[in-house]
Amino acid sequence: MHIDLRSDTVTNPTQGMLEAMHNAKLGDDVYGEDPTVNALQTRLAKMFGKEKALFFPTGTMANQAAIKLHTQPGEQVICDKYAHIYNYEGGGASFNSGVSCKLVDGHRGMMTAEQVIPAINPPDFYHSPLTTLVALENTTNKGGGACWDFEDIEKIKSVCETHNLGLHLDGARLWNALETKSETPQQYGAIFDTISVCLSKGLGCPIGSVLIGNEAIMEKALRVRKMLGGGMRQVGVLAAAGLYALDHHRSRLSEDHAKAKAIGQWLQNANYVAEVQPIETNIVIFELASHVDSDAFIETLKSKNILISNMGGGKLRMVTHLDYTDDMHEKLLETLGGIS
């Protein structure tokens, strides 16, 4: 039995999803003529109460397009020090948009309005970059799948309105947050100017993210996607997977969350673990005791056909997902219990 918990991106399409992909009606999306892509975009825009949505091959490209839409070269984006747009997108903010990031020392990837305010550069002080965008991430990847308190987001929105700043959400795992917090897409659509949502993580699609916003901000999104190399042709075969996942895979996310919490409970009772971060969704981040070598621990699990991630700084990660079955779960817990 092969158990891969490195990420929730390792899943394969289910049989039902493959059938939906096989039966998808296709057209040339560069001409805007793929009916399945158009259906997915329309559905997600309506779901979030926005006017427009655009399909992207990756979440990184969707986030990078959003930054480009909100900013001009030389300007600055405020984000948490754990933010995916800063840590895991290859320096794309500076390369693609010519902007810098002002990092905030938040908690588990989440900052407060009180922290955002002093990070805003005075607009009339021409020696510093002009602050034009605040970017949040929900759930926080590096923060261990933590979910924002919606009231904190509302407070940051108020700061953005006061200072005329855009507000973008990297919602790669927003579906997990919505399931855990019993919140709605419309709530987020009412707050954020742009939102990227991923289809290839918790929802189990092979590819795809969607950028969502109103017409004014999204007016140039198609051109930006083209410049980034994201123009695709008969991409409805992938959009069909997204439509299927929205119908069949959202409600089951609670199963992933329950398994992650169970893993965390086992790790907390293990004498070789020093700390387990709080678990709200499908990400488990933990640190080993000082006498345990991280690389050796990972290799021990690998020898038993179990793969996990090393995040650096002594932190290890497991992520539950659609393909992590009950049998795999039992095998993992049994294996963790047998390590001394």
Foldseek 3Di string as FASTA:
>chain_A
DFAEFAALLPFDFDPVLLVLLVPAQWWFCLVPPGVLQVVLFVVLQVQLVADTKHKFFALLLLVLLLLQLFDAAQAEEEFAPLDCNPPPNPPSSCVVHNYYYQHFDDQLRDHALVRVVVSQDDCVPVVHHHYAEYEGEAPRDSSFRDGDDVVRLVSNLVVCVVVVHAYEYSDQPVLQNCLLVVDGSNSVSVRHQKYKYHCSGQLPANTIIMIYHYCVSCVCSSVSCVVVVGRGTGCSSRSSSSVVSVVPRSNCQVVLQVLLVVVQVLLVPDPQWDDWRDGRGFKTKTATPPVDDPVVVQVVVVVVNYHWADPDPRITMGGGHDPCDPVNSVVVSVVSVPDD
